[in-house]
Amino acid sequence: MRKLPFRALVTVFGGVLALSACAATDEGNDDVVTVATSANYAPFTMVETSGDLTGYAIDIAEEMGERMGATVKFEKVDYKSLLQGVTTGRYDMSDGSVVFTEERAKQLDYTHPVASSGSVAMIRSADKAKITGLDSSLAGVRIGAVDGSVQQQWALANKADLGYSDLVAYAGPSQAILDLKNGRIDAIVYDTINALYYAQKNPADGVAPVGDSVNPSIVAATTKKGNTDLLDRVNKALTEMYSDGTIGSLQEEWFGQALPTPTSLDAADPFPLAPTKSDR
């Protein structure tokens, strides 16, 4: 499997990003948009040793806010609470790390895409001879996935083909990786980009993705269902950022290359690479 070169970053801690509501303050016309983030999903969102948020989705949100003339306020929560909080309106938006599904789209509105990814098996490197990917080599083993994630849903839907003995739900990937390293589970159904990033930044941990990436998926931000004012403003900013090469250039910075990134949620795979500023 081809590995992507990633920007060197610090160790990930837990959390979530929030883009706040588009309400004017009493002092003027400054909007505040609350963006929810897990801060536990490198390289999309993470926490530096200084305590500051960083990552691709963080940079996307900050650039969106600047183009919208809004102040972005981030809120850190676990992944499942992130989606629930946007659904109820506690947070105005999620960060741009949420995989699109038809089921989620019944409860949330998705912005224009900001990337695409897939799902892959993350295992202990020593087990590569017996676990070959997201396939029947998982028969009889205990696996894990982040609770509420597309990877968890995919594993549940494909249990008969995979044959695993148990699927453990985790609040975030760091807990799942710790259990994998300690032998409490034998594989994680993990986002492909995140798995590649983690393995390259933490080679001493002895864990790595294996096998083909499956379940290609569009990645975007989300807003509360029916908040068309905010959604339109965000999509306008994202359209500009895609067209002028900002999105592609941020992908180069964080992932080492531009990623396949469709311009709409209903685009057919394979997706085109996002244009970069050097393409202009």
Protein backbone atom coordinates (compact mmCIF):
# COMPACT_ATOMS: atom_id res chain seq x y z
CA MET A 1 0.00 0.00 0.00
CA ARG A 2 1.41 3.42 -0.97
CA LYS A 3 2.17 5.59 2.04
CA LEU A 4 1.71 9.34 1.97
CA PRO A 5 4.37 11.68 3.37
CA PHE A 6 2.82 13.72 6.16
CA ARG A 7 3.76 16.98 7.82
CA ALA A 8 5.60 16.41 11.11
CA LEU A 9 3.33 17.13 14.05
CA VAL A 10 3.10 16.58 17.76
CA THR A 11 1.40 13.70 19.57
CA VAL A 12 -2.40 13.71 19.51
CA PHE A 13 -4.56 14.18 22.56
CA GLY A 14 -8.38 13.93 22.91
CA GLY A 15 -11.02 16.50 21.97
CA VAL A 16 -13.44 17.99 19.35
CA LEU A 17 -13.71 21.21 17.23
CA ALA A 18 -16.75 23.49 17.09
CA LEU A 19 -17.66 26.34 14.68
CA SER A 20 -20.01 28.76 16.46
CA ALA A 21 -23.33 30.33 15.58
CA CYS A 22 -23.63 33.14 13.08
CA ALA A 23 -25.03 35.71 15.49
CA ALA A 24 -23.90 39.34 15.55
CA THR A 25 -22.49 40.61 18.82
CA ASP A 26 -23.87 43.63 20.68
CA GLU A 27 -20.65 45.54 19.94
CA GLY A 28 -20.82 45.36 16.15
CA ASN A 29 -21.19 43.07 13.19
CA ASP A 30 -18.72 40.40 14.29
CA ASP A 31 -20.23 36.93 13.79
CA VAL A 32 -19.20 34.02 15.98
CA VAL A 33 -19.40 30.51 14.57
CA THR A 34 -18.94 27.57 16.95
CA VAL A 35 -17.18 24.55 15.42
CA ALA A 36 -17.12 21.24 17.28
CA THR A 37 -14.02 19.05 16.98
CA SER A 38 -12.68 15.90 18.61
CA ALA A 39 -9.06 17.12 18.46
CA ASN A 40 -8.28 13.40 18.44
CA TYR A 41 -8.23 12.65 14.73
CA ALA A 42 -4.77 13.43 13.35
CA PRO A 43 -3.94 14.95 10.95
CA PHE A 44 -7.41 16.51 10.63
CA THR A 45 -7.66 17.78 14.20
CA MET A 46 -5.34 17.46 17.20
CA VAL A 47 -3.83 19.33 20.13
CA GLU A 48 -0.25 20.63 20.23
CA THR A 49 1.88 20.45 23.37
CA SER A 50 1.08 24.16 23.83
CA GLY A 51 -2.61 23.24 24.11
CA ASP A 52 -3.48 24.89 20.79
CA LEU A 53 -5.61 23.11 18.22
CA THR A 54 -3.98 22.27 14.92
CA GLY A 55 -4.66 20.18 11.84
CA TYR A 56 -6.11 20.25 8.36
CA ALA A 57 -9.73 20.66 9.51
CA ILE A 58 -8.70 23.42 11.92
CA ASP A 59 -6.99 25.36 9.11
CA ILE A 60 -10.02 24.86 6.86
CA ALA A 61 -12.37 26.22 9.55
CA GLU A 62 -10.17 29.23 10.30
CA GLU A 63 -9.85 30.12 6.61
CA MET A 64 -13.63 29.73 6.17
CA GLY A 65 -14.25 32.02 9.10
CA GLU A 66 -11.93 34.68 7.70
CA ARG A 67 -13.65 34.62 4.33
CA MET A 68 -17.06 34.74 6.00
CA GLY A 69 -16.03 37.67 8.19
CA ALA A 70 -16.75 35.55 11.27
CA THR A 71 -14.90 34.64 14.44
CA VAL A 72 -14.42 30.88 14.78
CA LYS A 73 -14.78 29.41 18.25
CA PHE A 74 -13.67 25.80 18.70
CA GLU A 75 -15.24 23.40 21.18
CA LYS A 76 -13.53 20.07 22.01
CA VAL A 77 -15.82 17.06 22.49
CA ASP A 78 -15.71 13.33 21.78
CA TYR A 79 -16.71 12.26 18.28
CA LYS A 80 -20.17 10.93 19.06
CA SER A 81 -21.06 14.04 21.09
CA LEU A 82 -19.81 16.18 18.21
CA LEU A 83 -22.43 14.83 15.82
CA GLN A 84 -25.17 14.91 18.45
CA GLY A 85 -24.28 18.48 19.41
CA VAL A 86 -24.49 19.75 15.84
CA THR A 87 -27.79 17.90 15.33
CA THR A 88 -29.36 19.64 18.35
CA GLY A 89 -27.82 23.03 17.60
CA ARG A 90 -25.51 23.10 20.61
CA TYR A 91 -22.70 23.71 18.12
CA ASP A 92 -23.15 25.55 14.83
CA MET A 93 -20.92 23.19 12.86
CA SER A 94 -18.60 20.26 13.03
CA ASP A 95 -15.09 20.52 11.70
CA GLY A 96 -14.36 19.20 8.22
CA SER A 97 -13.55 15.63 9.25
CA VAL A 98 -17.00 14.01 9.07
CA VAL A 99 -17.54 11.22 6.55
CA PHE A 100 -20.71 11.59 4.49
CA THR A 101 -23.41 8.93 4.82
CA GLU A 102 -27.03 8.97 3.65
CA GLU A 103 -28.17 8.13 7.18
CA ARG A 104 -26.32 11.05 8.74
CA ALA A 105 -27.63 13.35 6.01
CA LYS A 106 -31.14 12.74 7.34
CA GLN A 107 -30.12 14.45 10.60
CA LEU A 108 -27.43 16.90 9.44
CA ASP A 109 -26.67 19.12 6.47
CA TYR A 110 -23.26 18.54 4.88
CA THR A 111 -21.09 21.27 3.41
CA HIS A 112 -19.20 20.91 0.16
CA PRO A 113 -16.51 18.20 0.43
CA VAL A 114 -13.02 19.01 1.73
CA ALA A 115 -11.38 15.59 1.14
CA SER A 116 -12.02 11.90 0.61
CA SER A 117 -10.72 8.83 2.41
CA GLY A 118 -11.61 5.19 3.11
CA SER A 119 -11.29 2.45 5.73
CA VAL A 120 -8.36 0.15 6.44
CA ALA A 121 -7.25 -2.42 9.03
CA MET A 122 -4.76 -1.14 11.62
CA ILE A 123 -2.88 -4.01 13.28
CA ARG A 124 0.25 -4.81 15.25
CA SER A 125 3.09 -5.03 12.74
CA ALA A 126 4.04 -8.43 14.16
CA ASP A 127 0.65 -9.82 13.07
CA LYS A 128 0.96 -9.07 9.34
CA ALA A 129 1.42 -12.76 8.53
CA LYS A 130 -1.99 -13.67 9.95
CA ILE A 131 -4.11 -10.51 9.46
CA THR A 132 -4.06 -9.29 5.85
CA GLY A 133 -6.68 -6.55 5.88
CA LEU A 134 -10.41 -5.97 6.20
CA ASP A 135 -11.21 -9.49 5.07
CA SER A 136 -11.78 -13.02 6.35
CA SER A 137 -8.39 -12.99 8.10
CA LEU A 138 -10.25 -11.19 10.91
CA ALA A 139 -12.27 -14.35 11.62
CA GLY A 140 -12.43 -15.09 15.33
CA VAL A 141 -10.45 -12.01 16.44
CA ARG A 142 -11.49 -9.03 18.55
CA ILE A 143 -11.53 -5.73 16.66
CA GLY A 144 -12.28 -2.10 17.52
CA ALA A 145 -13.59 1.12 15.96
CA VAL A 146 -14.45 4.64 17.09
CA ASP A 147 -18.01 4.77 18.42
CA GLY A 148 -20.37 6.43 15.94
CA SER A 149 -17.82 6.36 13.11
CA VAL A 150 -18.39 5.19 9.54
CA GLN A 151 -15.77 2.52 10.21
CA GLN A 152 -17.86 1.11 13.07
CA GLN A 153 -20.97 1.10 10.88
CA TRP A 154 -19.10 -0.61 8.03
CA ALA A 155 -17.72 -3.30 10.37
CA LEU A 156 -21.19 -4.02 11.77
CA ALA A 157 -22.70 -4.25 8.30
CA ASN A 158 -19.96 -6.64 7.12
CA LYS A 159 -19.73 -8.87 10.21
CA ALA A 160 -20.78 -12.00 8.31
CA ASP A 161 -17.99 -11.61 5.76
CA LEU A 162 -15.31 -10.55 8.26
CA GLY A 163 -16.19 -13.12 10.93
CA TYR A 164 -14.68 -11.22 13.88
CA SER A 165 -15.64 -12.35 17.37
CA ASP A 166 -16.31 -8.95 18.96
CA LEU A 167 -16.39 -5.27 17.97
CA VAL A 168 -15.31 -2.87 20.74
CA ALA A 169 -16.52 0.75 20.54
CA TYR A 170 -14.10 3.51 21.61
CA ALA A 171 -14.66 7.19 22.38
CA GLY A 172 -11.61 8.07 20.25
CA PRO A 173 -8.80 6.49 18.23
CA SER A 174 -6.11 7.00 20.88
CA GLN A 175 -7.90 4.60 23.25
CA ALA A 176 -8.31 2.05 20.46
CA ILE A 177 -4.63 2.25 19.49
CA LEU A 178 -3.58 1.80 23.13
CA ASP A 179 -5.68 -1.37 23.39
CA LEU A 180 -4.27 -2.61 20.09
CA LYS A 181 -0.70 -2.11 21.30
CA ASN A 182 -1.49 -3.85 24.61
CA GLY A 183 -3.15 -6.83 22.92
CA ARG A 184 -6.71 -6.20 24.13
CA ILE A 185 -7.88 -6.10 20.52
CA ASP A 186 -6.20 -7.43 17.35
CA ALA A 187 -7.24 -4.85 14.77
CA ILE A 188 -8.87 -1.44 14.38
CA VAL A 189 -11.17 -0.55 11.50
CA TYR A 190 -9.67 2.89 10.96
CA ASP A 191 -9.80 5.83 8.56
CA THR A 192 -7.15 5.27 5.87
CA ILE A 193 -5.57 8.74 6.04
CA ASN A 194 -5.44 8.69 9.83
CA ALA A 195 -3.94 5.19 9.90
CA LEU A 196 -1.18 6.11 7.43
CA TYR A 197 -0.42 9.29 9.35
CA TYR A 198 -0.23 7.57 12.74
CA ALA A 199 2.02 4.76 11.51
CA GLN A 200 4.47 7.19 9.92
CA LYS A 201 4.62 9.53 12.90
CA ASN A 202 4.88 6.73 15.49
CA PRO A 203 7.03 3.93 14.00
CA ALA A 204 8.20 2.75 17.43
CA ASP A 205 4.61 1.84 18.39
CA GLY A 206 4.71 -1.25 16.21
CA VAL A 207 1.29 -0.72 14.59
CA ALA A 208 0.53 -0.18 10.92
CA PRO A 209 -2.27 -0.30 8.34
CA VAL A 210 -2.46 -3.45 6.24
CA GLY A 211 -4.39 -4.48 3.12
CA ASP A 212 -6.53 -2.48 0.73
CA SER A 213 -8.41 0.68 1.60
CA VAL A 214 -12.15 -0.01 1.23
CA ASN A 215 -15.39 1.92 1.52
CA PRO A 216 -14.33 5.15 -0.29
CA SER A 217 -15.96 8.11 1.40
CA ILE A 218 -16.44 11.86 1.08
CA VAL A 219 -15.27 14.02 3.99
CA ALA A 220 -16.92 17.34 4.84
CA ALA A 221 -18.15 19.58 7.66
CA THR A 222 -21.75 19.50 8.91
CA THR A 223 -24.33 22.01 10.13
CA LYS A 224 -27.67 21.68 11.89
CA LYS A 225 -30.41 20.51 9.55
CA GLY A 226 -32.16 23.51 8.02
CA ASN A 227 -29.58 26.16 8.93
CA THR A 228 -29.40 27.26 5.31
CA ASP A 229 -27.98 30.71 6.08
CA LEU A 230 -24.85 29.27 7.67
CA LEU A 231 -24.59 26.42 5.16
CA ASP A 232 -24.76 28.83 2.19
CA ARG A 233 -22.10 31.09 3.69
CA VAL A 234 -19.78 28.17 4.42
CA ASN A 235 -20.28 26.66 0.97
CA LYS A 236 -19.54 29.99 -0.69
CA ALA A 237 -16.24 30.17 1.19
CA LEU A 238 -15.40 26.53 0.40
CA THR A 239 -16.14 27.02 -3.30
CA GLU A 240 -13.70 29.94 -3.35
CA MET A 241 -11.10 27.93 -1.42
CA TYR A 242 -11.36 24.98 -3.81
CA SER A 243 -11.23 27.14 -6.93
CA ASP A 244 -8.26 29.27 -5.87
CA GLY A 245 -6.20 26.25 -4.78
CA THR A 246 -6.35 26.88 -1.03
CA ILE A 247 -7.89 23.48 -0.19
CA GLY A 248 -5.42 21.59 -2.39
CA SER A 249 -2.47 23.52 -0.95
CA LEU A 250 -3.60 22.82 2.62
CA GLN A 251 -3.81 19.13 1.68
CA GLU A 252 -0.23 19.30 0.40
CA GLU A 253 0.83 20.87 3.69
CA TRP A 254 -0.89 18.30 5.92
CA PHE A 255 -0.96 15.12 3.81
CA GLY A 256 2.08 15.62 1.57
CA GLN A 257 -0.05 15.77 -1.60
CA ALA A 258 -3.39 16.94 -2.92
CA LEU A 259 -6.16 14.42 -2.24
CA PRO A 260 -9.00 13.20 -4.45
CA THR A 261 -11.69 15.76 -3.57
CA PRO A 262 -15.06 16.01 -5.32
CA THR A 263 -16.86 19.33 -5.67
CA SER A 264 -20.26 17.90 -4.68
CA LEU A 265 -21.65 15.29 -2.32
CA ASP A 266 -23.20 13.27 -5.17
CA ALA A 267 -20.00 13.00 -7.21
CA ALA A 268 -19.05 9.55 -8.51
CA ASP A 269 -15.78 7.85 -7.56
CA PRO A 270 -12.97 8.21 -8.72
CA PHE A 271 -12.76 11.79 -7.51
CA PRO A 272 -10.50 14.46 -9.10
CA LEU A 273 -7.47 15.76 -7.22
CA ALA A 274 -8.07 19.12 -5.56
CA PRO A 275 -6.29 21.90 -7.50
CA THR A 276 -3.43 23.63 -5.66
CA LYS A 277 -2.18 27.20 -5.81
CA SER A 278 0.78 26.02 -7.90
CA ASP A 279 -1.71 24.79 -10.52
CA ARG A 280 -3.04 28.31 -10.98
